[in-house]
All heavy atoms as atom14 arrays in JSON, in Angstrom:
{
  "sequence": "NYSSWKAACIGENYSNAQSILKQEYKDEEKDEPSSGTVGA",
  "atom14_mask": [
    [1, 1, 1, 1, 1, 1, 1, 1, 0, 0, 0, 0, 0, 0],
    [1, 1, 1, 1, 1, 1, 1, 1, 1, 1, 1, 1, 0, 0],
    [1, 1, 1, 1, 1, 1, 0, 0, 0, 0, 0, 0, 0, 0],
    [1, 1, 1, 1, 1, 1, 0, 0, 0, 0, 0, 0, 0, 0],
    [1, 1, 1, 1, 1, 1, 1, 1, 1, 1, 1, 1, 1, 1],
    [1, 1, 1, 1, 1, 1, 1, 1, 1, 0, 0, 0, 0, 0],
    [1, 1, 1, 1, 1, 0, 0, 0, 0, 0, 0, 0, 0, 0],
    [1, 1, 1, 1, 1, 0, 0, 0, 0, 0, 0, 0, 0, 0],
    [1, 1, 1, 1, 1, 1, 0, 0, 0, 0, 0, 0, 0, 0],
    [1, 1, 1, 1, 1, 1, 1, 1, 0, 0, 0, 0, 0, 0],
    [1, 1, 1, 1, 0, 0, 0, 0, 0, 0, 0, 0, 0, 0],
    [1, 1, 1, 1, 1, 1, 1, 1, 1, 0, 0, 0, 0, 0],
    [1, 1, 1, 1, 1, 1, 1, 1, 0, 0, 0, 0, 0, 0],
    [1, 1, 1, 1, 1, 1, 1, 1, 1, 1, 1, 1, 0, 0],
    [1, 1, 1, 1, 1, 1, 0, 0, 0, 0, 0, 0, 0, 0],
    [1, 1, 1, 1, 1, 1, 1, 1, 0, 0, 0, 0, 0, 0],
    [1, 1, 1, 1, 1, 0, 0, 0, 0, 0, 0, 0, 0, 0],
    [1, 1, 1, 1, 1, 1, 1, 1, 1, 0, 0, 0, 0, 0],
    [1, 1, 1, 1, 1, 1, 0, 0, 0, 0, 0, 0, 0, 0],
    [1, 1, 1, 1, 1, 1, 1, 1, 0, 0, 0, 0, 0, 0],
    [1, 1, 1, 1, 1, 1, 1, 1, 0, 0, 0, 0, 0, 0],
    [1, 1, 1, 1, 1, 1, 1, 1, 1, 0, 0, 0, 0, 0],
    [1, 1, 1, 1, 1, 1, 1, 1, 1, 0, 0, 0, 0, 0],
    [1, 1, 1, 1, 1, 1, 1, 1, 1, 0, 0, 0, 0, 0],
    [1, 1, 1, 1, 1, 1, 1, 1, 1, 1, 1, 1, 0, 0],
    [1, 1, 1, 1, 1, 1, 1, 1, 1, 0, 0, 0, 0, 0],
    [1, 1, 1, 1, 1, 1, 1, 1, 0, 0, 0, 0, 0, 0],
    [1, 1, 1, 1, 1, 1, 1, 1, 1, 0, 0, 0, 0, 0],
    [1, 1, 1, 1, 1, 1, 1, 1, 1, 0, 0, 0, 0, 0],
    [1, 1, 1, 1, 1, 1, 1, 1, 1, 0, 0, 0, 0, 0],
    [1, 1, 1, 1, 1, 1, 1, 1, 0, 0, 0, 0, 0, 0],
    [1, 1, 1, 1, 1, 1, 1, 1, 1, 0, 0, 0, 0, 0],
    [1, 1, 1, 1, 1, 1, 1, 0, 0, 0, 0, 0, 0, 0],
    [1, 1, 1, 1, 1, 1, 0, 0, 0, 0, 0, 0, 0, 0],
    [1, 1, 1, 1, 1, 1, 0, 0, 0, 0, 0, 0, 0, 0],
    [1, 1, 1, 1, 0, 0, 0, 0, 0, 0, 0, 0, 0, 0],
    [1, 1, 1, 1, 1, 1, 1, 0, 0, 0, 0, 0, 0, 0],
    [1, 1, 1, 1, 1, 1, 1, 0, 0, 0, 0, 0, 0, 0],
    [1, 1, 1, 1, 0, 0, 0, 0, 0, 0, 0, 0, 0, 0],
    [1, 1, 1, 1, 1, 0, 0, 0, 0, 0, 0, 0, 0, 0]
  ],
  "atom14_positions": [
    [[12.1, 39.21, -37.29], [11.69, 39.51, -35.88], [12.38, 38.74, -34.84], [12.88, 37.63, -35.1], [10.14, 39.11, -35.82], [9.23, 39.9, -36.76], [9.41, 41.03, -36.94], [8.35, 39.08, -37.51], [0.0, 0.0, 0.0], [0.0, 0.0, 0.0], [0.0, 0.0, 0.0], [0.0, 0.0, 0.0], [0.0, 0.0, 0.0], [0.0, 0.0, 0.0]],
    [[12.57, 39.32, -33.65], [13.09, 38.66, -32.54], [12.42, 39.02, -31.28], [11.86, 40.07, -31.17], [14.55, 38.81, -32.41], [14.98, 40.24, -31.91], [15.27, 40.51, -30.55], [15.15, 41.37, -32.79], [15.6, 41.77, -30.19], [15.54, 42.6, -32.38], [15.78, 42.8, -31.08], [16.13, 44.04, -30.54], [0.0, 0.0, 0.0], [0.0, 0.0, 0.0]],
    [[12.47, 38.17, -30.25], [11.91, 38.44, -29.07], [12.63, 37.7, -27.92], [13.24, 36.67, -28.15], [10.35, 37.97, -29.06], [10.29, 36.64, -29.44], [0.0, 0.0, 0.0], [0.0, 0.0, 0.0], [0.0, 0.0, 0.0], [0.0, 0.0, 0.0], [0.0, 0.0, 0.0], [0.0, 0.0, 0.0], [0.0, 0.0, 0.0], [0.0, 0.0, 0.0]],
    [[12.47, 38.19, -26.66], [13.11, 37.67, -25.46], [12.23, 36.7, -24.81], [10.97, 37.04, -24.65], [13.6, 38.77, -24.58], [14.22, 38.31, -23.36], [0.0, 0.0, 0.0], [0.0, 0.0, 0.0], [0.0, 0.0, 0.0], [0.0, 0.0, 0.0], [0.0, 0.0, 0.0], [0.0, 0.0, 0.0], [0.0, 0.0, 0.0], [0.0, 0.0, 0.0]],
    [[12.85, 35.6, -24.35], [12.03, 34.46, -23.75], [12.73, 34.04, -22.41], [13.92, 34.16, -22.31], [11.79, 33.3, -24.67], [11.0, 33.63, -25.86], [11.43, 34.3, -27.03], [9.62, 33.27, -25.99], [10.27, 34.41, -27.83], [9.16, 33.78, -27.25], [8.71, 32.61, -25.21], [7.88, 33.63, -27.81], [7.36, 32.49, -25.78], [7.08, 32.96, -27.0]],
    [[11.86, 33.44, -21.54], [12.44, 32.72, -20.35], [12.58, 31.23, -20.74], [13.5, 30.54, -20.15], [11.43, 32.8, -19.19], [11.37, 34.28, -18.62], [10.37, 34.51, -17.5], [10.25, 35.92, -17.09], [9.31, 36.05, -16.0], [0.0, 0.0, 0.0], [0.0, 0.0, 0.0], [0.0, 0.0, 0.0], [0.0, 0.0, 0.0], [0.0, 0.0, 0.0]],
    [[11.76, 30.69, -21.64], [11.82, 29.35, -22.15], [11.19, 29.37, -23.43], [10.09, 29.88, -23.66], [11.24, 28.33, -21.16], [0.0, 0.0, 0.0], [0.0, 0.0, 0.0], [0.0, 0.0, 0.0], [0.0, 0.0, 0.0], [0.0, 0.0, 0.0], [0.0, 0.0, 0.0], [0.0, 0.0, 0.0], [0.0, 0.0, 0.0], [0.0, 0.0, 0.0]],
    [[11.75, 28.71, -24.45], [11.2, 28.81, -25.83], [11.59, 27.47, -26.62], [12.59, 26.77, -26.16], [11.72, 29.96, -26.65], [0.0, 0.0, 0.0], [0.0, 0.0, 0.0], [0.0, 0.0, 0.0], [0.0, 0.0, 0.0], [0.0, 0.0, 0.0], [0.0, 0.0, 0.0], [0.0, 0.0, 0.0], [0.0, 0.0, 0.0], [0.0, 0.0, 0.0]],
    [[10.81, 27.28, -27.63], [11.06, 26.07, -28.54], [10.83, 26.45, -29.92], [9.96, 27.23, -30.2], [10.19, 24.97, -28.07], [10.35, 23.47, -29.15], [0.0, 0.0, 0.0], [0.0, 0.0, 0.0], [0.0, 0.0, 0.0], [0.0, 0.0, 0.0], [0.0, 0.0, 0.0], [0.0, 0.0, 0.0], [0.0, 0.0, 0.0], [0.0, 0.0, 0.0]],
    [[11.68, 26.01, -30.83], [11.54, 26.21, -32.33], [11.69, 24.78, -32.9], [12.24, 23.85, -32.35], [12.5, 27.14, -32.88], [13.94, 26.75, -32.61], [12.29, 28.54, -32.37], [15.0, 27.67, -33.23], [0.0, 0.0, 0.0], [0.0, 0.0, 0.0], [0.0, 0.0, 0.0], [0.0, 0.0, 0.0], [0.0, 0.0, 0.0], [0.0, 0.0, 0.0]],
    [[11.07, 24.69, -34.11], [11.1, 23.37, -34.86], [9.88, 22.66, -34.76], [8.81, 23.09, -34.39], [0.0, 0.0, 0.0], [0.0, 0.0, 0.0], [0.0, 0.0, 0.0], [0.0, 0.0, 0.0], [0.0, 0.0, 0.0], [0.0, 0.0, 0.0], [0.0, 0.0, 0.0], [0.0, 0.0, 0.0], [0.0, 0.0, 0.0], [0.0, 0.0, 0.0]],
    [[10.0, 21.34, -34.92], [8.92, 20.46, -35.01], [8.27, 20.23, -33.56], [8.9, 20.33, -32.59], [9.33, 19.05, -35.42], [8.25, 18.11, -35.76], [8.71, 16.8, -36.36], [9.85, 16.46, -36.28], [7.87, 16.0, -36.97], [0.0, 0.0, 0.0], [0.0, 0.0, 0.0], [0.0, 0.0, 0.0], [0.0, 0.0, 0.0], [0.0, 0.0, 0.0]],
    [[6.89, 20.28, -33.5], [6.14, 20.11, -32.3], [6.43, 21.26, -31.3], [6.25, 21.07, -30.08], [6.52, 18.85, -31.66], [6.03, 17.52, -32.38], [4.91, 17.67, -33.06], [6.71, 16.52, -32.34], [0.0, 0.0, 0.0], [0.0, 0.0, 0.0], [0.0, 0.0, 0.0], [0.0, 0.0, 0.0], [0.0, 0.0, 0.0], [0.0, 0.0, 0.0]],
    [[6.71, 22.45, -31.86], [7.04, 23.49, -30.97], [5.84, 24.04, -30.13], [6.08, 24.52, -29.05], [7.57, 24.79, -31.81], [6.5, 25.42, -32.71], [5.85, 26.54, -32.11], [6.29, 25.06, -34.03], [4.87, 27.19, -32.96], [5.37, 25.62, -34.67], [4.65, 26.72, -34.31], [3.63, 27.39, -34.97], [0.0, 0.0, 0.0], [0.0, 0.0, 0.0]],
    [[4.57, 23.87, -30.71], [3.42, 24.24, -29.88], [3.19, 23.47, -28.69], [2.91, 23.87, -27.61], [2.14, 24.25, -30.84], [2.0, 22.94, -31.36], [0.0, 0.0, 0.0], [0.0, 0.0, 0.0], [0.0, 0.0, 0.0], [0.0, 0.0, 0.0], [0.0, 0.0, 0.0], [0.0, 0.0, 0.0], [0.0, 0.0, 0.0], [0.0, 0.0, 0.0]],
    [[3.41, 22.06, -28.85], [3.32, 21.23, -27.73], [4.39, 21.49, -26.71], [4.19, 21.5, -25.48], [3.38, 19.68, -28.17], [2.21, 19.32, -29.03], [1.14, 19.92, -28.84], [2.44, 18.23, -29.79], [0.0, 0.0, 0.0], [0.0, 0.0, 0.0], [0.0, 0.0, 0.0], [0.0, 0.0, 0.0], [0.0, 0.0, 0.0], [0.0, 0.0, 0.0]],
    [[5.55, 21.69, -27.13], [6.66, 22.06, -26.22], [6.4, 23.36, -25.46], [6.65, 23.42, -24.23], [7.94, 22.21, -27.03], [0.0, 0.0, 0.0], [0.0, 0.0, 0.0], [0.0, 0.0, 0.0], [0.0, 0.0, 0.0], [0.0, 0.0, 0.0], [0.0, 0.0, 0.0], [0.0, 0.0, 0.0], [0.0, 0.0, 0.0], [0.0, 0.0, 0.0]],
    [[5.91, 24.39, -26.21], [5.66, 25.64, -25.53], [4.53, 25.48, -24.41], [4.64, 26.11, -23.44], [5.17, 26.65, -26.59], [6.21, 27.3, -27.41], [7.25, 28.05, -26.62], [8.48, 28.15, -26.83], [6.82, 28.81, -25.63], [0.0, 0.0, 0.0], [0.0, 0.0, 0.0], [0.0, 0.0, 0.0], [0.0, 0.0, 0.0], [0.0, 0.0, 0.0]],
    [[3.59, 24.65, -24.63], [2.5, 24.42, -23.62], [3.12, 23.75, -22.43], [2.81, 24.09, -21.26], [1.44, 23.45, -24.24], [0.87, 24.06, -25.39], [0.0, 0.0, 0.0], [0.0, 0.0, 0.0], [0.0, 0.0, 0.0], [0.0, 0.0, 0.0], [0.0, 0.0, 0.0], [0.0, 0.0, 0.0], [0.0, 0.0, 0.0], [0.0, 0.0, 0.0]],
    [[4.04, 22.82, -22.64], [4.67, 22.14, -21.41], [5.64, 23.14, -20.74], [5.59, 23.16, -19.5], [5.56, 20.91, -21.91], [4.66, 19.93, -22.58], [6.3, 20.31, -20.63], [5.36, 18.76, -23.2], [0.0, 0.0, 0.0], [0.0, 0.0, 0.0], [0.0, 0.0, 0.0], [0.0, 0.0, 0.0], [0.0, 0.0, 0.0], [0.0, 0.0, 0.0]],
    [[6.33, 23.92, -21.38], [7.18, 24.91, -20.8], [6.45, 26.03, -19.98], [6.85, 26.26, -18.94], [8.01, 25.56, -21.92], [9.16, 24.67, -22.55], [9.72, 25.53, -23.76], [10.26, 24.4, -21.61], [0.0, 0.0, 0.0], [0.0, 0.0, 0.0], [0.0, 0.0, 0.0], [0.0, 0.0, 0.0], [0.0, 0.0, 0.0], [0.0, 0.0, 0.0]],
    [[5.26, 26.37, -20.53], [4.46, 27.29, -19.93], [3.87, 26.75, -18.47], [3.76, 27.48, -17.46], [3.25, 27.7, -20.8], [2.45, 28.94, -20.3], [1.38, 29.18, -21.29], [0.5, 30.34, -20.76], [-0.59, 30.73, -21.62], [0.0, 0.0, 0.0], [0.0, 0.0, 0.0], [0.0, 0.0, 0.0], [0.0, 0.0, 0.0], [0.0, 0.0, 0.0]],
    [[3.64, 25.53, -18.46], [3.02, 24.89, -17.35], [4.13, 24.6, -16.29], [3.91, 24.79, -15.13], [2.37, 23.56, -17.63], [1.07, 23.8, -18.51], [0.48, 22.42, -18.98], [0.96, 21.37, -18.66], [-0.6, 22.52, -19.68], [0.0, 0.0, 0.0], [0.0, 0.0, 0.0], [0.0, 0.0, 0.0], [0.0, 0.0, 0.0], [0.0, 0.0, 0.0]],
    [[5.35, 24.15, -16.66], [6.34, 23.62, -15.86], [7.39, 24.71, -15.41], [8.08, 24.48, -14.4], [6.99, 22.41, -16.44], [6.05, 21.28, -16.78], [5.43, 20.64, -15.55], [6.0, 20.81, -14.47], [4.3, 20.06, -15.68], [0.0, 0.0, 0.0], [0.0, 0.0, 0.0], [0.0, 0.0, 0.0], [0.0, 0.0, 0.0], [0.0, 0.0, 0.0]],
    [[7.51, 25.71, -16.1], [8.47, 26.69, -15.86], [8.31, 27.44, -14.58], [7.13, 27.94, -14.37], [8.67, 27.68, -17.0], [9.9, 28.69, -16.83], [11.19, 28.25, -17.33], [9.81, 29.87, -16.27], [12.29, 29.1, -17.19], [10.86, 30.69, -16.1], [12.1, 30.28, -16.56], [13.15, 31.08, -16.49], [0.0, 0.0, 0.0], [0.0, 0.0, 0.0]],
    [[9.31, 27.56, -13.75], [9.15, 28.29, -12.46], [9.53, 29.74, -12.66], [10.72, 30.11, -12.78], [10.09, 27.65, -11.45], [9.78, 26.13, -11.13], [10.77, 25.55, -10.17], [10.55, 24.16, -9.84], [11.54, 23.55, -8.9], [0.0, 0.0, 0.0], [0.0, 0.0, 0.0], [0.0, 0.0, 0.0], [0.0, 0.0, 0.0], [0.0, 0.0, 0.0]],
    [[8.49, 30.5, -12.55], [8.75, 31.95, -12.79], [8.78, 32.69, -11.45], [8.08, 32.47, -10.45], [7.51, 32.48, -13.51], [7.65, 33.93, -13.98], [8.77, 34.45, -13.88], [6.74, 34.54, -14.5], [0.0, 0.0, 0.0], [0.0, 0.0, 0.0], [0.0, 0.0, 0.0], [0.0, 0.0, 0.0], [0.0, 0.0, 0.0], [0.0, 0.0, 0.0]],
    [[9.79, 33.6, -11.33], [10.04, 34.32, -10.1], [8.85, 35.19, -9.69], [8.38, 35.19, -8.48], [11.21, 35.26, -10.27], [11.62, 36.12, -9.12], [10.99, 37.43, -9.03], [10.7, 38.01, -10.14], [10.76, 37.97, -8.06], [0.0, 0.0, 0.0], [0.0, 0.0, 0.0], [0.0, 0.0, 0.0], [0.0, 0.0, 0.0], [0.0, 0.0, 0.0]],
    [[8.19, 35.92, -10.56], [7.07, 36.76, -10.3], [5.83, 35.9, -9.81], [5.11, 36.3, -8.93], [6.67, 37.5, -11.48], [7.78, 38.55, -11.95], [7.28, 39.38, -13.16], [6.27, 39.12, -13.62], [8.13, 40.21, -13.61], [0.0, 0.0, 0.0], [0.0, 0.0, 0.0], [0.0, 0.0, 0.0], [0.0, 0.0, 0.0], [0.0, 0.0, 0.0]],
    [[5.68, 34.68, -10.43], [4.55, 33.92, -10.09], [4.71, 33.0, -8.82], [3.86, 32.95, -8.0], [4.22, 33.04, -11.27], [2.87, 32.3, -11.21], [2.7, 31.42, -12.38], [2.64, 32.3, -13.64], [2.4, 31.5, -14.86], [0.0, 0.0, 0.0], [0.0, 0.0, 0.0], [0.0, 0.0, 0.0], [0.0, 0.0, 0.0], [0.0, 0.0, 0.0]],
    [[5.95, 32.47, -8.78], [6.23, 31.52, -7.68], [6.75, 32.11, -6.37], [6.46, 31.6, -5.23], [7.14, 30.36, -8.16], [6.55, 29.69, -9.28], [5.35, 29.56, -9.44], [7.27, 29.02, -10.09], [0.0, 0.0, 0.0], [0.0, 0.0, 0.0], [0.0, 0.0, 0.0], [0.0, 0.0, 0.0], [0.0, 0.0, 0.0], [0.0, 0.0, 0.0]],
    [[7.55, 33.18, -6.47], [8.15, 33.83, -5.3], [8.05, 35.27, -5.32], [8.99, 35.97, -5.51], [9.62, 33.32, -5.2], [9.84, 31.88, -4.97], [11.25, 31.47, -4.67], [12.0, 32.34, -4.1], [11.67, 30.36, -4.97], [0.0, 0.0, 0.0], [0.0, 0.0, 0.0], [0.0, 0.0, 0.0], [0.0, 0.0, 0.0], [0.0, 0.0, 0.0]],
    [[6.78, 35.83, -5.23], [6.73, 37.26, -5.37], [7.3, 38.08, -4.24], [7.65, 39.23, -4.33], [5.18, 37.47, -5.34], [4.67, 36.23, -4.59], [5.62, 35.14, -4.99], [0.0, 0.0, 0.0], [0.0, 0.0, 0.0], [0.0, 0.0, 0.0], [0.0, 0.0, 0.0], [0.0, 0.0, 0.0], [0.0, 0.0, 0.0], [0.0, 0.0, 0.0]],
    [[7.65, 37.54, -3.11], [8.1, 38.23, -1.95], [9.63, 38.17, -1.92], [10.35, 38.87, -1.07], [7.69, 37.57, -0.57], [8.01, 36.24, -0.52], [0.0, 0.0, 0.0], [0.0, 0.0, 0.0], [0.0, 0.0, 0.0], [0.0, 0.0, 0.0], [0.0, 0.0, 0.0], [0.0, 0.0, 0.0], [0.0, 0.0, 0.0], [0.0, 0.0, 0.0]],
    [[10.3, 37.42, -2.77], [11.73, 37.39, -2.79], [12.33, 38.62, -3.41], [11.79, 39.28, -4.28], [12.2, 36.17, -3.59], [12.03, 36.3, -4.93], [0.0, 0.0, 0.0], [0.0, 0.0, 0.0], [0.0, 0.0, 0.0], [0.0, 0.0, 0.0], [0.0, 0.0, 0.0], [0.0, 0.0, 0.0], [0.0, 0.0, 0.0], [0.0, 0.0, 0.0]],
    [[13.54, 38.96, -2.92], [14.23, 40.27, -3.38], [15.03, 40.05, -4.62], [15.62, 40.94, -4.98], [0.0, 0.0, 0.0], [0.0, 0.0, 0.0], [0.0, 0.0, 0.0], [0.0, 0.0, 0.0], [0.0, 0.0, 0.0], [0.0, 0.0, 0.0], [0.0, 0.0, 0.0], [0.0, 0.0, 0.0], [0.0, 0.0, 0.0], [0.0, 0.0, 0.0]],
    [[15.08, 38.83, -5.07], [15.97, 38.56, -6.26], [15.19, 38.91, -7.56], [14.03, 39.04, -7.62], [16.33, 37.03, -6.31], [15.09, 36.28, -6.34], [17.05, 36.71, -4.99], [0.0, 0.0, 0.0], [0.0, 0.0, 0.0], [0.0, 0.0, 0.0], [0.0, 0.0, 0.0], [0.0, 0.0, 0.0], [0.0, 0.0, 0.0], [0.0, 0.0, 0.0]],
    [[16.05, 39.13, -8.55], [15.54, 39.44, -9.78], [15.84, 38.36, -10.8], [16.97, 37.88, -10.92], [16.15, 40.77, -10.32], [15.61, 41.12, -11.68], [15.81, 41.96, -9.4], [0.0, 0.0, 0.0], [0.0, 0.0, 0.0], [0.0, 0.0, 0.0], [0.0, 0.0, 0.0], [0.0, 0.0, 0.0], [0.0, 0.0, 0.0], [0.0, 0.0, 0.0]],
    [[14.89, 38.04, -11.7], [15.19, 36.95, -12.67], [14.47, 35.64, -12.4], [13.72, 35.5, -11.38], [0.0, 0.0, 0.0], [0.0, 0.0, 0.0], [0.0, 0.0, 0.0], [0.0, 0.0, 0.0], [0.0, 0.0, 0.0], [0.0, 0.0, 0.0], [0.0, 0.0, 0.0], [0.0, 0.0, 0.0], [0.0, 0.0, 0.0], [0.0, 0.0, 0.0]],
    [[14.79, 34.7, -13.12], [14.2, 33.26, -13.08], [14.58, 32.63, -11.79], [15.82, 32.83, -11.44], [14.51, 32.52, -14.26], [0.0, 0.0, 0.0], [0.0, 0.0, 0.0], [0.0, 0.0, 0.0], [0.0, 0.0, 0.0], [0.0, 0.0, 0.0], [0.0, 0.0, 0.0], [0.0, 0.0, 0.0], [0.0, 0.0, 0.0], [0.0, 0.0, 0.0]]
  ]
}
């Protein structure tokens, strides 16, 4: 299986890393919905 990510972690402690990435990652759709740019 494969999937596309904006931020990802594999290996040891991946679940803790994913939680931090989910909280700290700056998402274009969430943080700047009015901007005309596409992507992170």
